[in-house]
PDB file of N, CA and C in Angstrom:
ATOM      1  N   UNK A   1     -28.791  27.279  35.697  1.00  0.00           N
ATOM      2  CA  UNK A   1     -28.283  26.200  37.099  1.00  0.00           C
ATOM      3  C   UNK A   1     -26.948  26.937  37.187  1.00  0.00           C
ATOM      4  N   UNK A   2     -26.743  26.966  38.789  1.00  0.00           N
ATOM      5  CA  UNK A   2     -24.981  27.119  39.214  1.00  0.00           C
ATOM      6  C   UNK A   2     -24.541  26.153  39.097  1.00  0.00           C
ATOM      7  N   UNK A   3     -23.017  26.115  38.807  1.00  0.00           N
ATOM      8  CA  UNK A   3     -21.677  25.225  39.391  1.00  0.00           C
ATOM      9  C   UNK A   3     -22.246  24.730  40.509  1.00  0.00           C
ATOM     10  N   UNK A   4     -22.735  22.864  40.509  1.00  0.00           N
ATOM     11  CA  UNK A   4     -22.983  22.459  41.086  1.00  0.00           C
ATOM     12  C   UNK A   4     -21.264  22.183  42.334  1.00  0.00           C
ATOM     13  N   UNK A   5     -20.203  22.495  42.341  1.00  0.00           N
ATOM     14  CA  UNK A   5     -19.137  23.157  42.843  1.00  0.00           C
ATOM     15  C   UNK A   5     -19.403  24.009  44.042  1.00  0.00           C
ATOM     16  N   UNK A   6     -20.201  24.685  43.688  1.00  0.00           N
ATOM     17  CA  UNK A   6     -20.063  26.829  44.265  1.00  0.00           C
ATOM     18  C   UNK A   6     -21.788  26.126  44.910  1.00  0.00           C
ATOM     19  N   UNK A   7     -22.812  25.174  44.851  1.00  0.00           N
ATOM     20  CA  UNK A   7     -23.886  24.822  45.743  1.00  0.00           C
ATOM     21  C   UNK A   7     -23.469  23.910  46.606  1.00  0.00           C
ATOM     22  N   UNK A   8     -22.320  22.470  46.429  1.00  0.00           N
ATOM     23  CA  UNK A   8     -22.095  21.626  47.459  1.00  0.00           C
ATOM     24  C   UNK A   8     -20.623  22.653  48.047  1.00  0.00           C
ATOM     25  N   UNK A   9     -21.206  22.561  49.065  1.00  0.00           N
ATOM     26  CA  UNK A   9     -19.652  23.036  50.106  1.00  0.00           C
ATOM     27  C   UNK A   9     -18.955  22.167  50.321  1.00  0.00           C
ATOM     28  N   UNK A  10     -19.296  21.091  51.406  1.00  0.00           N
ATOM     29  CA  UNK A  10     -18.281  20.321  51.832  1.00  0.00           C
ATOM     30  C   UNK A  10     -19.472  18.598  52.295  1.00  0.00           C
ATOM     31  N   UNK A  11     -19.128  17.753  52.711  1.00  0.00           N
ATOM     32  CA  UNK A  11     -20.030  16.352  52.635  1.00  0.00           C
ATOM     33  C   UNK A  11     -19.087  16.079  53.999  1.00  0.00           C
ATOM     34  N   UNK A  12     -20.550  15.889  54.763  1.00  0.00           N
ATOM     35  CA  UNK A  12     -20.471  15.591  56.664  1.00  0.00           C
ATOM     36  C   UNK A  12     -20.062  14.178  56.570  1.00  0.00           C
ATOM     37  N   UNK A  13     -19.062  13.906  57.581  1.00  0.00           N
ATOM     38  CA  UNK A  13     -19.014  12.059  58.027  1.00  0.00           C
ATOM     39  C   UNK A  13     -18.860  11.984  59.707  1.00  0.00           C
ATOM     40  N   UNK A  14     -19.775  12.614  60.685  1.00  0.00           N
ATOM     41  CA  UNK A  14     -19.865  12.358  61.460  1.00  0.00           C
ATOM     42  C   UNK A  14     -20.200  11.114  61.907  1.00  0.00           C
ATOM     43  N   UNK A  15     -20.748  10.720  63.300  1.00  0.00           N
ATOM     44  CA  UNK A  15     -21.217   9.206  63.645  1.00  0.00           C
ATOM     45  C   UNK A  15     -22.140   9.509  63.149  1.00  0.00           C
ATOM     46  N   UNK A  16     -23.101  10.016  63.271  1.00  0.00           N
ATOM     47  CA  UNK A  16     -24.568  10.737  62.905  1.00  0.00           C
ATOM     48  C   UNK A  16     -24.863  10.479  61.556  1.00  0.00           C
ATOM     49  N   UNK A  17     -23.687  10.461  60.630  1.00  0.00           N
ATOM     50  CA  UNK A  17     -24.232  10.855  59.499  1.00  0.00           C
ATOM     51  C   UNK A  17     -23.682   9.361  58.404  1.00  0.00           C
ATOM     52  N   UNK A  18     -22.645   8.441  59.367  1.00  0.00           N
ATOM     53  CA  UNK A  18     -22.117   7.863  58.999  1.00  0.00           C
ATOM     54  C   UNK A  18     -23.643   6.494  59.139  1.00  0.00           C
ATOM     55  N   UNK A  19     -24.631   6.925  60.507  1.00  0.00           N
ATOM     56  CA  UNK A  19     -25.320   5.801  60.810  1.00  0.00           C
ATOM     57  C   UNK A  19     -26.680   6.218  59.800  1.00  0.00           C
ATOM     58  N   UNK A  20     -26.779   7.261  59.256  1.00  0.00           N
ATOM     59  CA  UNK A  20     -27.475   7.645  58.099  1.00  0.00           C
ATOM     60  C   UNK A  20     -27.540   7.142  57.023  1.00  0.00           C
ATOM     61  N   UNK A  21     -26.260   6.907  56.842  1.00  0.00           N
ATOM     62  CA  UNK A  21     -25.481   5.937  55.410  1.00  0.00           C
ATOM     63  C   UNK A  21     -26.197   4.853  55.699  1.00  0.00           C
ATOM     64  N   UNK A  22     -25.606   4.257  56.409  1.00  0.00           N
ATOM     65  CA  UNK A  22     -25.938   2.619  56.978  1.00  0.00           C
ATOM     66  C   UNK A  22     -27.681   2.274  56.606  1.00  0.00           C
ATOM     67  N   UNK A  23     -28.819   3.102  57.686  1.00  0.00           N
ATOM     68  CA  UNK A  23     -29.577   2.996  57.616  1.00  0.00           C
ATOM     69  C   UNK A  23     -30.860   3.168  56.898  1.00  0.00           C
ATOM     70  N   UNK A  24     -30.603   4.749  56.237  1.00  0.00           N
ATOM     71  CA  UNK A  24     -31.449   4.876  55.779  1.00  0.00           C
ATOM     72  C   UNK A  24     -30.981   5.632  54.126  1.00  0.00           C
ATOM     73  N   UNK A  25     -29.730   5.162  53.985  1.00  0.00           N
ATOM     74  CA  UNK A  25     -29.001   5.912  52.394  1.00  0.00           C
ATOM     75  C   UNK A  25     -29.175   6.753  52.273  1.00  0.00           C
ATOM     76  N   UNK A  26     -28.776   7.464  53.192  1.00  0.00           N
ATOM     77  CA  UNK A  26     -28.475   9.237  53.309  1.00  0.00           C
ATOM     78  C   UNK A  26     -26.915   9.654  53.294  1.00  0.00           C
ATOM     79  N   UNK A  27     -26.963  11.187  52.522  1.00  0.00           N
ATOM     80  CA  UNK A  27     -25.993  11.730  52.247  1.00  0.00           C
ATOM     81  C   UNK A  27     -26.087  13.267  52.827  1.00  0.00           C
ATOM     82  N   UNK A  28     -24.874  13.891  53.409  1.00  0.00           N
ATOM     83  CA  UNK A  28     -24.820  14.759  54.190  1.00  0.00           C
ATOM     84  C   UNK A  28     -23.928  15.820  53.858  1.00  0.00           C
ATOM     85  N   UNK A  29     -24.711  17.153  53.224  1.00  0.00           N
ATOM     86  CA  UNK A  29     -23.963  17.922  52.671  1.00  0.00           C
ATOM     87  C   UNK A  29     -24.189  19.211  53.025  1.00  0.00           C
ATOM     88  N   UNK A  30     -22.899  20.360  54.128  1.00  0.00           N
ATOM     89  CA  UNK A  30     -23.412  21.697  53.885  1.00  0.00           C
ATOM     90  C   UNK A  30     -23.100  21.733  52.564  1.00  0.00           C
ATOM     91  N   UNK A  31     -24.462  23.162  51.991  1.00  0.00           N
ATOM     92  CA  UNK A  31     -24.392  23.640  50.920  1.00  0.00           C
ATOM     93  C   UNK A  31     -24.917  25.203  51.104  1.00  0.00           C
ATOM     94  N   UNK A  32     -24.920  26.190  49.954  1.00  0.00           N
ATOM     95  CA  UNK A  32     -25.016  27.008  49.588  1.00  0.00           C
ATOM     96  C   UNK A  32     -26.348  27.511  50.175  1.00  0.00           C
ATOM     97  N   UNK A  33     -26.556  28.829  51.269  1.00  0.00           N
ATOM     98  CA  UNK A  33     -27.185  28.971  52.141  1.00  0.00           C
ATOM     99  C   UNK A  33     -28.632  29.469  50.965  1.00  0.00           C
ATOM    100  N   UNK A  34     -28.217  30.026  49.976  1.00  0.00           N
ATOM    101  CA  UNK A  34     -29.475  30.585  49.021  1.00  0.00           C
ATOM    102  C   UNK A  34     -29.646  29.321  48.219  1.00  0.00           C
ATOM    103  N   UNK A  35     -28.570  28.675  48.095  1.00  0.00           N
ATOM    104  CA  UNK A  35     -29.771  27.376  46.817  1.00  0.00           C
ATOM    105  C   UNK A  35     -30.868  27.161  47.636  1.00  0.00           C
ATOM    106  N   UNK A  36     -31.879  26.253  45.991  1.00  0.00           N
ATOM    107  CA  UNK A  36     -33.314  25.237  46.803  1.00  0.00           C
ATOM    108  C   UNK A  36     -32.733  24.224  46.665  1.00  0.00           C
ATOM    109  N   UNK A  37     -34.175  23.051  46.870  1.00  0.00           N
ATOM    110  CA  UNK A  37     -33.743  21.656  47.223  1.00  0.00           C
ATOM    111  C   UNK A  37     -33.657  21.635  45.756  1.00  0.00           C
ATOM    112  N   UNK A  38     -34.491  21.711  44.947  1.00  0.00           N
ATOM    113  CA  UNK A  38     -34.218  21.248  43.271  1.00  0.00           C
ATOM    114  C   UNK A  38     -33.000  21.666  42.685  1.00  0.00           C
ATOM    115  N   UNK A  39     -31.816  22.978  42.961  1.00  0.00           N
ATOM    116  CA  UNK A  39     -30.969  23.174  43.190  1.00  0.00           C
ATOM    117  C   UNK A  39     -30.112  22.540  43.551  1.00  0.00           C
ATOM    118  N   UNK A  40     -29.686  22.000  44.706  1.00  0.00           N
ATOM    119  CA  UNK A  40     -29.386  21.467  45.301  1.00  0.00           C
ATOM    120  C   UNK A  40     -29.089  19.453  45.126  1.00  0.00           C
ATOM    121  N   UNK A  41     -30.428  19.242  44.825  1.00  0.00           N
ATOM    122  CA  UNK A  41     -30.750  17.356  43.724  1.00  0.00           C
ATOM    123  C   UNK A  41     -29.853  17.699  42.867  1.00  0.00           C
ATOM    124  N   UNK A  42     -29.841  18.627  41.444  1.00  0.00           N
ATOM    125  CA  UNK A  42     -29.459  18.978  40.722  1.00  0.00           C
ATOM    126  C   UNK A  42     -27.813  18.424  40.610  1.00  0.00           C
ATOM    127  N   UNK A  43     -27.551  19.408  41.630  1.00  0.00           N
ATOM    128  CA  UNK A  43     -26.206  19.136  41.860  1.00  0.00           C
ATOM    129  C   UNK A  43     -25.332  18.151  42.181  1.00  0.00           C
ATOM    130  N   UNK A  44     -26.158  17.243  43.017  1.00  0.00           N
ATOM    131  CA  UNK A  44     -25.600  16.857  43.762  1.00  0.00           C
ATOM    132  C   UNK A  44     -25.625  15.087  42.586  1.00  0.00           C
ATOM    133  N   UNK A  45     -26.427  15.049  42.082  1.00  0.00           N
ATOM    134  CA  UNK A  45     -27.017  14.126  40.987  1.00  0.00           C
ATOM    135  C   UNK A  45     -26.030  14.442  39.899  1.00  0.00           C
ATOM    136  N   UNK A  46     -25.482  15.603  39.329  1.00  0.00           N
ATOM    137  CA  UNK A  46     -24.198  15.812  38.865  1.00  0.00           C
ATOM    138  C   UNK A  46     -23.395  15.996  38.963  1.00  0.00           C
ATOM    139  N   UNK A  47     -22.958  16.367  40.458  1.00  0.00           N
ATOM    140  CA  UNK A  47     -21.796  15.334  40.615  1.00  0.00           C
ATOM    141  C   UNK A  47     -20.999  14.340  40.996  1.00  0.00           C
ATOM    142  N   UNK A  48     -21.797  13.623  41.359  1.00  0.00           N
ATOM    143  CA  UNK A  48     -21.343  11.867  41.932  1.00  0.00           C
ATOM    144  C   UNK A  48     -22.592  11.359  40.933  1.00  0.00           C
ATOM    145  N   UNK A  49     -22.931  11.566  40.121  1.00  0.00           N
ATOM    146  CA  UNK A  49     -23.552  10.860  38.966  1.00  0.00           C
ATOM    147  C   UNK A  49     -24.518   9.389  39.864  1.00  0.00           C
ATOM    148  N   UNK A  50     -25.451  10.364  40.109  1.00  0.00           N
ATOM    149  CA  UNK A  50     -26.710   9.190  41.939  1.00  0.00           C
ATOM    150  C   UNK A  50     -27.867  10.078  41.073  1.00  0.00           C
ATOM    151  N   UNK A  51     -28.606   9.110  41.803  1.00  0.00           N
ATOM    152  CA  UNK A  51     -29.858   9.730  41.876  1.00  0.00           C
ATOM    153  C   UNK A  51     -30.385   9.507  42.997  1.00  0.00           C
ATOM    154  N   UNK A  52     -31.256  10.710  43.387  1.00  0.00           N
ATOM    155  CA  UNK A  52     -31.338  11.379  44.717  1.00  0.00           C
ATOM    156  C   UNK A  52     -33.180  11.271  44.485  1.00  0.00           C
ATOM    157  N   UNK A  53     -33.743  10.612  45.445  1.00  0.00           N
ATOM    158  CA  UNK A  53     -35.282  10.163  45.504  1.00  0.00           C
ATOM    159  C   UNK A  53     -35.329  11.441  47.049  1.00  0.00           C
ATOM    160  N   UNK A  54     -34.907  12.256  47.851  1.00  0.00           N
ATOM    161  CA  UNK A  54     -35.483  13.286  48.431  1.00  0.00           C
ATOM    162  C   UNK A  54     -34.131  14.121  48.768  1.00  0.00           C
ATOM    163  N   UNK A  55     -34.624  15.409  49.336  1.00  0.00           N
ATOM    164  CA  UNK A  55     -33.658  16.260  49.670  1.00  0.00           C
ATOM    165  C   UNK A  55     -34.295  16.825  51.202  1.00  0.00           C
ATOM    166  N   UNK A  56     -34.053  16.611  52.262  1.00  0.00           N
ATOM    167  CA  UNK A  56     -34.397  17.555  53.337  1.00  0.00           C
ATOM    168  C   UNK A  56     -33.346  18.656  54.033  1.00  0.00           C
ATOM    169  N   UNK A  57     -33.837  19.880  53.686  1.00  0.00           N
ATOM    170  CA  UNK A  57     -32.617  21.000  54.402  1.00  0.00           C
ATOM    171  C   UNK A  57     -32.943  21.405  55.700  1.00  0.00           C
ATOM    172  N   UNK A  58     -32.159  21.886  56.433  1.00  0.00           N
ATOM    173  CA  UNK A  58     -32.164  22.487  57.588  1.00  0.00           C
ATOM    174  C   UNK A  58     -31.455  23.486  57.984  1.00  0.00           C
ATOM    175  N   UNK A  59     -31.689  24.855  58.364  1.00  0.00           N
ATOM    176  CA  UNK A  59     -30.582  25.721  59.035  1.00  0.00           C
ATOM    177  C   UNK A  59     -29.834  25.335  60.256  1.00  0.00           C
ATOM    178  N   UNK A  60     -28.782  24.704  60.533  1.00  0.00           N
ATOM    179  CA  UNK A  60     -28.199  24.631  61.823  1.00  0.00           C
ATOM    180  C   UNK A  60     -27.976  26.259  62.550  1.00  0.00           C
ATOM    181  N   UNK A  61     -28.308  26.050  63.836  1.00  0.00           N
ATOM    182  CA  UNK A  61     -28.323  27.348  64.929  1.00  0.00           C
ATOM    183  C   UNK A  61     -26.724  28.009  64.306  1.00  0.00           C
ATOM    184  N   UNK A  62     -25.752  27.822  63.855  1.00  0.00           N
ATOM    185  CA  UNK A  62     -24.357  28.672  63.689  1.00  0.00           C
ATOM    186  C   UNK A  62     -24.662  29.188  62.081  1.00  0.00           C
ATOM    187  N   UNK A  63     -25.672  28.862  61.406  1.00  0.00           N
ATOM    188  CA  UNK A  63     -25.726  29.197  60.186  1.00  0.00           C
ATOM    189  C   UNK A  63     -25.477  28.874  59.618  1.00  0.00           C
ATOM    190  N   UNK A  64     -25.321  27.911  58.949  1.00  0.00           N
ATOM    191  CA  UNK A  64     -24.899  26.699  57.862  1.00  0.00           C
ATOM    192  C   UNK A  64     -26.200  25.800  57.723  1.00  0.00           C
ATOM    193  N   UNK A  65     -25.937  25.738  56.193  1.00  0.00           N
ATOM    194  CA  UNK A  65     -27.271  24.884  55.407  1.00  0.00           C
ATOM    195  C   UNK A  65     -26.982  22.771  55.288  1.00  0.00           C
ATOM    196  N   UNK A  66     -27.875  22.421  56.298  1.00  0.00           N
ATOM    197  CA  UNK A  66     -27.403  20.812  55.878  1.00  0.00           C
ATOM    198  C   UNK A  66     -28.627  20.239  54.642  1.00  0.00           C
ATOM    199  N   UNK A  67     -28.187  19.386  54.117  1.00  0.00           N
ATOM    200  CA  UNK A  67     -28.874  18.957  53.118  1.00  0.00           C
ATOM    201  C   UNK A  67     -28.770  17.688  53.566  1.00  0.00           C
ATOM    202  N   UNK A  68     -30.025  16.845  53.546  1.00  0.00           N
ATOM    203  CA  UNK A  68     -29.942  15.388  53.568  1.00  0.00           C
ATOM    204  C   UNK A  68     -30.033  14.727  52.386  1.00  0.00           C
ATOM    205  N   UNK A  69     -29.538  14.059  51.449  1.00  0.00           N
ATOM    206  CA  UNK A  69     -29.818  13.664  50.967  1.00  0.00           C
ATOM    207  C   UNK A  69     -30.112  11.625  50.484  1.00  0.00           C
ATOM    208  N   UNK A  70     -31.601  11.260  50.180  1.00  0.00           N
ATOM    209  CA  UNK A  70     -31.716  10.401  50.300  1.00  0.00           C
ATOM    210  C   UNK A  70     -31.617   9.804  49.010  1.00  0.00           C
ATOM    211  N   UNK A  71     -30.747   8.778  48.678  1.00  0.00           N
ATOM    212  CA  UNK A  71     -30.287   8.043  47.325  1.00  0.00           C
ATOM    213  C   UNK A  71     -30.761   6.941  46.815  1.00  0.00           C
ATOM    214  N   UNK A  72     -31.076   6.512  45.734  1.00  0.00           N
ATOM    215  CA  UNK A  72     -31.906   5.949  44.769  1.00  0.00           C
ATOM    216  C   UNK A  72     -31.229   4.476  45.753  1.00  0.00           C
ATOM    217  N   UNK A  73     -32.384   3.182  46.231  1.00  0.00           N
ATOM    218  CA  UNK A  73     -31.941   2.167  46.595  1.00  0.00           C
ATOM    219  C   UNK A  73     -30.399   1.031  45.890  1.00  0.00           C
ATOM    220  N   UNK A  74     -31.054   1.647  44.186  1.00  0.00           N
ATOM    221  CA  UNK A  74     -29.634   0.623  43.770  1.00  0.00           C
ATOM    222  C   UNK A  74     -28.697   1.452  43.659  1.00  0.00           C
ATOM    223  N   UNK A  75     -27.981   2.527  44.560  1.00  0.00           N
ATOM    224  CA  UNK A  75     -26.539   4.062  44.914  1.00  0.00           C
ATOM    225  C   UNK A  75     -26.790   3.634  45.975  1.00  0.00           C
ATOM    226  N   UNK A  76     -26.011   2.584  46.638  1.00  0.00           N
ATOM    227  CA  UNK A  76     -25.754   2.382  48.287  1.00  0.00           C
ATOM    228  C   UNK A  76     -24.838   3.966  48.693  1.00  0.00           C
ATOM    229  N   UNK A  77     -25.139   4.905  49.257  1.00  0.00           N
ATOM    230  CA  UNK A  77     -24.558   5.619  49.866  1.00  0.00           C
ATOM    231  C   UNK A  77     -23.235   5.455  50.582  1.00  0.00           C
ATOM    232  N   UNK A  78     -22.760   4.483  51.069  1.00  0.00           N
ATOM    233  CA  UNK A  78     -21.936   3.916  51.949  1.00  0.00           C
ATOM    234  C   UNK A  78     -20.304   3.847  50.134  1.00  0.00           C
ATOM    235  N   UNK A  79     -20.943   3.824  49.124  1.00  0.00           N
ATOM    236  CA  UNK A  79     -20.362   3.646  48.119  1.00  0.00           C
ATOM    237  C   UNK A  79     -19.909   4.775  47.462  1.00  0.00           C
ATOM    238  N   UNK A  80     -20.380   6.030  47.573  1.00  0.00           N
ATOM    239  CA  UNK A  80     -20.574   7.383  47.516  1.00  0.00           C
ATOM    240  C   UNK A  80     -19.335   7.483  48.119  1.00  0.00           C
ATOM    241  N   UNK A  81     -19.615   7.458  49.373  1.00  0.00           N
ATOM    242  CA  UNK A  81     -18.743   7.714  51.139  1.00  0.00           C
ATOM    243  C   UNK A  81     -17.498   7.332  50.758  1.00  0.00           C
ATOM    244  N   UNK A  82     -17.259   6.135  50.390  1.00  0.00           N
ATOM    245  CA  UNK A  82     -16.323   5.032  49.968  1.00  0.00           C
ATOM    246  C   UNK A  82     -15.280   6.265  48.772  1.00  0.00           C
ATOM    247  N   UNK A  83     -15.907   6.283  47.321  1.00  0.00           N
ATOM    248  CA  UNK A  83     -15.444   7.461  46.995  1.00  0.00           C
ATOM    249  C   UNK A  83     -15.000   8.462  47.293  1.00  0.00           C
ATOM    250  N   UNK A  84     -15.956   9.302  47.731  1.00  0.00           N
ATOM    251  CA  UNK A  84     -15.332  10.788  48.557  1.00  0.00           C
ATOM    252  C   UNK A  84     -14.046  10.540  49.191  1.00  0.00           C
ATOM    253  N   UNK A  85     -13.771   9.387  49.877  1.00  0.00           N
ATOM    254  CA  UNK A  85     -12.938   9.346  50.639  1.00  0.00           C
ATOM    255  C   UNK A  85     -13.304   9.258  52.535  1.00  0.00           C
ATOM    256  N   UNK A  86     -14.821   9.715  52.437  1.00  0.00           N
ATOM    257  CA  UNK A  86     -14.980  10.106  53.923  1.00  0.00           C
ATOM    258  C   UNK A  86     -14.921   9.119  55.004  1.00  0.00           C
ATOM    259  N   UNK A  87     -15.119   7.358  54.397  1.00  0.00           N
ATOM    260  CA  UNK A  87     -14.777   6.580  55.453  1.00  0.00           C
ATOM    261  C   UNK A  87     -13.988   5.186  54.778  1.00  0.00           C
TER     262      UNK A  87
END
């Protein structure tokens, strides 16, 4: 497996992503374009010590790859965002 810090480029804390944290328990990251969902899931779990239920990815029009990570119910996304200094 690749180093988690080469897969995860940075987290996103836009108004939309904060709303997703609160309502859907999801965190949003820009990730390495060549990484698949399994690698992204393992990298986020290893880097932040959380359990991921599901990963959705999308390639933006400007060519970046975004990953939406749905966390397990026992791990609030807002707690992780606070630790990261996002909010």
